[in-house]
Amino acid sequence: MARAVHTQLSDLRQQAEDLQKSYDQMKKQAIELEKSNKAKDDFLNVVSHELRTPLAVVRAYADLLAEEPPLTDRSSRDPERRDRRASWHDGTIEQIERLDRLVDSILASVRVVPDQPAIVEATDLEAVVSDVVRGRAPLLGRHELLIEPSVRTRLPPSAPNPAEACSFFHLFGG
């Protein structure tokens, strides 16, 4: 009987040692995960700042260019030129806002928010491409751009939202 008690105590000590090792290992992993999470958050903050600051500067310069000479409330010897400049300004502001939304979308996709499910929506790729082409119209000038889709379909529900789809189009040669 003494031998059985001794064996059980020995087994309990071994289990306690194993549990302590597991606890120590998990504690080290938790510390490493916290460091990694902090590094990720710091990186996202820097990336967010580095992307948003140039956009704010570009927006400010676009607004300054629109003021000199003013694009509205002024008669002009060349109304067609004034209208063209106004459309360039509007197009520039629209693209800046698109980039702002893209930055928001990218940052939202990498931030972990466990309480909220991912937003998944079907994406009309033809509409995305048409939107990108429309935004490039001032750059195309008098050149004609013809895009003929070989397949008319919507992306599956697992596809990114339209802003993300647009970002992928830009990344891969759009």
C-alpha atoms as a PDB file:
ATOM      1  CA  MET A   1       0.000   0.000   0.000  1.00  0.00           C
ATOM      2  CA  ALA A   2       2.837   2.397   0.822  1.00  0.00           C
ATOM      3  CA  ARG A   3       4.329   1.585  -2.556  1.00  0.00           C
ATOM      4  CA  ALA A   4       1.011   2.458  -4.304  1.00  0.00           C
ATOM      5  CA  VAL A   5       0.796   5.775  -2.447  1.00  0.00           C
ATOM      6  CA  HIS A   6       4.434   6.518  -3.325  1.00  0.00           C
ATOM      7  CA  THR A   7       3.699   5.742  -7.009  1.00  0.00           C
ATOM      8  CA  GLN A   8       0.643   7.995  -7.006  1.00  0.00           C
ATOM      9  CA  LEU A   9       2.601  10.833  -5.372  1.00  0.00           C
ATOM     10  CA  SER A  10       5.360  10.388  -7.914  1.00  0.00           C
ATOM     11  CA  ASP A  11       2.805  10.489 -10.736  1.00  0.00           C
ATOM     12  CA  LEU A  12       1.184  13.615  -9.253  1.00  0.00           C
ATOM     13  CA  ARG A  13       4.574  15.345  -8.990  1.00  0.00           C
ATOM     14  CA  GLN A  14       5.332  14.489 -12.606  1.00  0.00           C
ATOM     15  CA  GLN A  15       1.945  15.830 -13.701  1.00  0.00           C
ATOM     16  CA  ALA A  16       2.504  19.008 -11.673  1.00  0.00           C
ATOM     17  CA  GLU A  17       5.920  19.481 -13.308  1.00  0.00           C
ATOM     18  CA  ASP A  18       4.415  18.887 -16.752  1.00  0.00           C
ATOM     19  CA  LEU A  19       1.630  21.378 -16.027  1.00  0.00           C
ATOM     20  CA  GLN A  20       4.151  23.968 -14.825  1.00  0.00           C
ATOM     21  CA  LYS A  21       6.219  23.505 -18.010  1.00  0.00           C
ATOM     22  CA  SER A  22       3.090  23.872 -20.137  1.00  0.00           C
ATOM     23  CA  TYR A  23       2.051  26.968 -18.192  1.00  0.00           C
ATOM     24  CA  ASP A  24       5.504  28.545 -18.575  1.00  0.00           C
ATOM     25  CA  GLN A  25       5.503  27.767 -22.294  1.00  0.00           C
ATOM     26  CA  MET A  26       2.027  29.247 -22.774  1.00  0.00           C
ATOM     27  CA  LYS A  27       3.007  32.344 -20.791  1.00  0.00           C
ATOM     28  CA  LYS A  28       6.043  32.874 -23.068  1.00  0.00           C
ATOM     29  CA  GLN A  29       3.833  32.436 -26.134  1.00  0.00           C
ATOM     30  CA  ALA A  30       1.287  34.922 -24.770  1.00  0.00           C
ATOM     31  CA  ILE A  31       4.057  37.494 -24.227  1.00  0.00           C
ATOM     32  CA  GLU A  32       5.356  36.935 -27.765  1.00  0.00           C
ATOM     33  CA  LEU A  33       1.828  37.260 -29.184  1.00  0.00           C
ATOM     34  CA  GLU A  34       1.304  40.508 -27.277  1.00  0.00           C
ATOM     35  CA  LYS A  35       4.584  41.876 -28.667  1.00  0.00           C
ATOM     36  CA  SER A  36       3.598  40.772 -32.161  1.00  0.00           C
ATOM     37  CA  ASN A  37       0.158  42.347 -31.825  1.00  0.00           C
ATOM     38  CA  LYS A  38       1.665  45.627 -30.615  1.00  0.00           C
ATOM     39  CA  ALA A  39       4.135  45.613 -33.515  1.00  0.00           C
ATOM     40  CA  LYS A  40       1.236  45.034 -35.940  1.00  0.00           C
ATOM     41  CA  ASP A  41      -0.758  47.900 -34.418  1.00  0.00           C
ATOM     42  CA  ASP A  42       2.273  50.203 -34.572  1.00  0.00           C
ATOM     43  CA  PHE A  43       2.850  49.212 -38.203  1.00  0.00           C
ATOM     44  CA  LEU A  44      -0.806  49.872 -39.116  1.00  0.00           C
ATOM     45  CA  ASN A  45      -0.667  53.281 -37.464  1.00  0.00           C
ATOM     46  CA  VAL A  46       2.474  54.217 -39.383  1.00  0.00           C
ATOM     47  CA  VAL A  47       1.066  52.894 -42.673  1.00  0.00           C
ATOM     48  CA  SER A  48      -2.189  54.746 -42.108  1.00  0.00           C
ATOM     49  CA  HIS A  49      -0.329  57.979 -41.420  1.00  0.00           C
ATOM     50  CA  GLU A  50       2.056  57.523 -44.348  1.00  0.00           C
ATOM     51  CA  LEU A  51      -0.830  56.905 -46.755  1.00  0.00           C
ATOM     52  CA  ARG A  52      -3.212  59.567 -45.483  1.00  0.00           C
ATOM     53  CA  THR A  53      -0.736  62.438 -45.167  1.00  0.00           C
ATOM     54  CA  PRO A  54       0.198  62.566 -48.877  1.00  0.00           C
ATOM     55  CA  LEU A  55      -3.493  62.321 -49.797  1.00  0.00           C
ATOM     56  CA  ALA A  56      -4.274  65.330 -47.611  1.00  0.00           C
ATOM     57  CA  VAL A  57      -1.431  67.281 -49.235  1.00  0.00           C
ATOM     58  CA  VAL A  58      -2.566  66.359 -52.752  1.00  0.00           C
ATOM     59  CA  ARG A  59      -6.133  67.380 -51.873  1.00  0.00           C
ATOM     60  CA  ALA A  60      -4.885  70.739 -50.557  1.00  0.00           C
ATOM     61  CA  TYR A  61      -2.829  71.393 -53.706  1.00  0.00           C
ATOM     62  CA  ALA A  62      -5.761  70.418 -55.927  1.00  0.00           C
ATOM     63  CA  ASP A  63      -7.957  72.870 -54.045  1.00  0.00           C
ATOM     64  CA  LEU A  64      -5.297  75.606 -54.367  1.00  0.00           C
ATOM     65  CA  LEU A  65      -5.057  75.004 -58.101  1.00  0.00           C
ATOM     66  CA  ALA A  66      -8.829  75.300 -58.358  1.00  0.00           C
ATOM     67  CA  GLU A  67      -8.687  78.727 -56.695  1.00  0.00           C
ATOM     68  CA  GLU A  68      -6.114  80.310 -59.044  1.00  0.00           C
ATOM     69  CA  PRO A  69      -7.849  81.459 -61.162  1.00  0.00           C
ATOM     70  CA  PRO A  70     -11.196  80.485 -59.632  1.00  0.00           C
ATOM     71  CA  LEU A  71     -13.072  77.770 -61.491  1.00  0.00           C
ATOM     72  CA  THR A  72     -16.523  79.109 -60.599  1.00  0.00           C
ATOM     73  CA  ASP A  73     -18.367  82.423 -60.365  1.00  0.00           C
ATOM     74  CA  ARG A  74     -16.192  84.161 -62.911  1.00  0.00           C
ATOM     75  CA  SER A  75     -16.649  84.959 -66.567  1.00  0.00           C
ATOM     76  CA  SER A  76     -14.013  83.605 -68.862  1.00  0.00           C
ATOM     77  CA  ARG A  77     -12.776  84.250 -72.345  1.00  0.00           C
ATOM     78  CA  ASP A  78     -12.491  80.471 -72.719  1.00  0.00           C
ATOM     79  CA  PRO A  79     -15.412  78.750 -70.946  1.00  0.00           C
ATOM     80  CA  GLU A  80     -14.492  75.390 -72.500  1.00  0.00           C
ATOM     81  CA  ARG A  81     -11.025  75.536 -70.917  1.00  0.00           C
ATOM     82  CA  ARG A  82     -12.525  76.564 -67.567  1.00  0.00           C
ATOM     83  CA  ASP A  83     -14.989  73.648 -67.727  1.00  0.00           C
ATOM     84  CA  ARG A  84     -12.166  71.249 -68.613  1.00  0.00           C
ATOM     85  CA  ARG A  85     -10.097  72.492 -65.643  1.00  0.00           C
ATOM     86  CA  ALA A  86     -13.137  72.125 -63.377  1.00  0.00           C
ATOM     87  CA  SER A  87     -13.646  68.543 -64.561  1.00  0.00           C
ATOM     88  CA  TRP A  88      -9.963  67.778 -63.930  1.00  0.00           C
ATOM     89  CA  HIS A  89     -10.282  69.192 -60.428  1.00  0.00           C
ATOM     90  CA  ASP A  90     -13.455  67.207 -59.772  1.00  0.00           C
ATOM     91  CA  GLY A  91     -11.791  64.057 -61.137  1.00  0.00           C
ATOM     92  CA  THR A  92      -8.742  64.618 -58.939  1.00  0.00           C
ATOM     93  CA  ILE A  93     -10.867  65.074 -55.821  1.00  0.00           C
ATOM     94  CA  GLU A  94     -12.899  61.986 -56.740  1.00  0.00           C
ATOM     95  CA  GLN A  95      -9.709  59.897 -57.073  1.00  0.00           C
ATOM     96  CA  ILE A  96      -8.364  61.236 -53.765  1.00  0.00           C
ATOM     97  CA  GLU A  97     -11.623  60.227 -52.082  1.00  0.00           C
ATOM     98  CA  ARG A  98     -11.366  56.820 -53.745  1.00  0.00           C
ATOM     99  CA  LEU A  99      -7.845  56.395 -52.324  1.00  0.00           C
ATOM    100  CA  ASP A 100      -9.125  57.455 -48.894  1.00  0.00           C
ATOM    101  CA  ARG A 101     -11.781  54.746 -49.104  1.00  0.00           C
ATOM    102  CA  LEU A 102      -9.173  52.250 -50.308  1.00  0.00           C
ATOM    103  CA  VAL A 103      -6.923  53.024 -47.329  1.00  0.00           C
ATOM    104  CA  ASP A 104      -9.922  52.590 -45.024  1.00  0.00           C
ATOM    105  CA  SER A 105     -10.774  49.282 -46.703  1.00  0.00           C
ATOM    106  CA  ILE A 106      -7.211  47.957 -46.493  1.00  0.00           C
ATOM    107  CA  LEU A 107      -6.863  48.920 -42.852  1.00  0.00           C
ATOM    108  CA  ALA A 108     -10.271  47.473 -42.002  1.00  0.00           C
ATOM    109  CA  SER A 109      -9.345  44.193 -43.682  1.00  0.00           C
ATOM    110  CA  VAL A 110      -6.235  43.716 -41.530  1.00  0.00           C
ATOM    111  CA  ARG A 111      -7.647  44.883 -38.221  1.00  0.00           C
ATOM    112  CA  VAL A 112      -9.089  42.103 -36.109  1.00  0.00           C
ATOM    113  CA  VAL A 113     -12.513  42.949 -34.702  1.00  0.00           C
ATOM    114  CA  PRO A 114     -13.855  39.660 -33.318  1.00  0.00           C
ATOM    115  CA  ASP A 115     -17.304  41.040 -32.462  1.00  0.00           C
ATOM    116  CA  GLN A 116     -18.100  41.965 -36.053  1.00  0.00           C
ATOM    117  CA  PRO A 117     -18.441  39.522 -38.945  1.00  0.00           C
ATOM    118  CA  ALA A 118     -16.699  40.342 -42.205  1.00  0.00           C
ATOM    119  CA  ILE A 119     -18.796  42.304 -44.674  1.00  0.00           C
ATOM    120  CA  VAL A 120     -19.145  40.247 -47.825  1.00  0.00           C
ATOM    121  CA  GLU A 121     -20.946  41.516 -50.866  1.00  0.00           C
ATOM    122  CA  ALA A 122     -21.113  40.583 -54.507  1.00  0.00           C
ATOM    123  CA  THR A 123     -19.056  42.814 -56.778  1.00  0.00           C
ATOM    124  CA  ASP A 124     -20.088  43.897 -60.253  1.00  0.00           C
ATOM    125  CA  LEU A 125     -16.698  43.768 -61.948  1.00  0.00           C
ATOM    126  CA  GLU A 126     -18.002  45.493 -65.083  1.00  0.00           C
ATOM    127  CA  ALA A 127     -19.120  48.451 -62.952  1.00  0.00           C
ATOM    128  CA  VAL A 128     -15.740  48.575 -61.198  1.00  0.00           C
ATOM    129  CA  VAL A 129     -13.839  48.577 -64.511  1.00  0.00           C
ATOM    130  CA  SER A 130     -16.218  51.183 -65.983  1.00  0.00           C
ATOM    131  CA  ASP A 131     -15.697  53.348 -62.910  1.00  0.00           C
ATOM    132  CA  VAL A 132     -11.911  53.096 -63.232  1.00  0.00           C
ATOM    133  CA  VAL A 133     -12.038  53.923 -66.953  1.00  0.00           C
ATOM    134  CA  ARG A 134     -14.370  56.886 -66.287  1.00  0.00           C
ATOM    135  CA  GLY A 135     -11.889  58.164 -63.694  1.00  0.00           C
ATOM    136  CA  ARG A 136      -9.095  57.968 -66.263  1.00  0.00           C
ATOM    137  CA  ALA A 137     -11.029  59.809 -68.988  1.00  0.00           C
ATOM    138  CA  PRO A 138      -9.140  63.110 -68.532  1.00  0.00           C
ATOM    139  CA  LEU A 139      -5.854  61.249 -68.917  1.00  0.00           C
ATOM    140  CA  LEU A 140      -7.002  59.448 -72.041  1.00  0.00           C
ATOM    141  CA  GLY A 141      -7.848  62.703 -73.763  1.00  0.00           C
ATOM    142  CA  ARG A 142      -9.060  62.000 -77.273  1.00  0.00           C
ATOM    143  CA  HIS A 143      -7.897  58.388 -77.254  1.00  0.00           C
ATOM    144  CA  GLU A 144     -10.619  55.792 -77.385  1.00  0.00           C
ATOM    145  CA  LEU A 145     -10.496  52.940 -74.919  1.00  0.00           C
ATOM    146  CA  LEU A 146     -12.500  49.855 -75.725  1.00  0.00           C
ATOM    147  CA  ILE A 147     -12.905  47.100 -73.159  1.00  0.00           C
ATOM    148  CA  GLU A 148     -14.857  44.053 -74.207  1.00  0.00           C
ATOM    149  CA  PRO A 149     -15.546  41.598 -71.403  1.00  0.00           C
ATOM    150  CA  SER A 150     -15.355  37.987 -72.488  1.00  0.00           C
ATOM    151  CA  VAL A 151     -17.408  36.825 -69.524  1.00  0.00           C
ATOM    152  CA  ARG A 152     -20.289  38.716 -67.939  1.00  0.00           C
ATOM    153  CA  THR A 153     -20.562  37.609 -64.388  1.00  0.00           C
ATOM    154  CA  ARG A 154     -20.538  38.819 -60.841  1.00  0.00           C
ATOM    155  CA  LEU A 155     -17.743  37.857 -58.529  1.00  0.00           C
ATOM    156  CA  PRO A 156     -18.701  35.167 -56.018  1.00  0.00           C
ATOM    157  CA  PRO A 157     -19.851  36.302 -52.568  1.00  0.00           C
ATOM    158  CA  SER A 158     -16.415  35.510 -51.148  1.00  0.00           C
ATOM    159  CA  ALA A 159     -14.893  38.205 -53.365  1.00  0.00           C
ATOM    160  CA  PRO A 160     -13.714  41.513 -51.909  1.00  0.00           C
ATOM    161  CA  ASN A 161     -16.009  44.499 -51.710  1.00  0.00           C
ATOM    162  CA  PRO A 162     -15.980  46.916 -54.681  1.00  0.00           C
ATOM    163  CA  ALA A 163     -13.295  49.179 -53.171  1.00  0.00           C
ATOM    164  CA  GLU A 164     -11.004  46.191 -52.640  1.00  0.00           C
ATOM    165  CA  ALA A 165     -11.758  44.826 -56.127  1.00  0.00           C
ATOM    166  CA  CYS A 166     -10.850  48.221 -57.544  1.00  0.00           C
ATOM    167  CA  SER A 167      -7.597  48.207 -55.564  1.00  0.00           C
ATOM    168  CA  PHE A 168      -6.705  44.788 -56.974  1.00  0.00           C
ATOM    169  CA  PHE A 169      -7.439  46.081 -60.498  1.00  0.00           C
ATOM    170  CA  HIS A 170      -5.057  49.014 -59.899  1.00  0.00           C
ATOM    171  CA  LEU A 171      -2.377  46.762 -58.418  1.00  0.00           C
ATOM    172  CA  PHE A 172      -2.401  44.387 -61.367  1.00  0.00           C
ATOM    173  CA  GLY A 173      -2.022  46.864 -64.159  1.00  0.00           C
ATOM    174  CA  GLY A 174      -5.215  48.930 -64.095  1.00  0.00           C
END
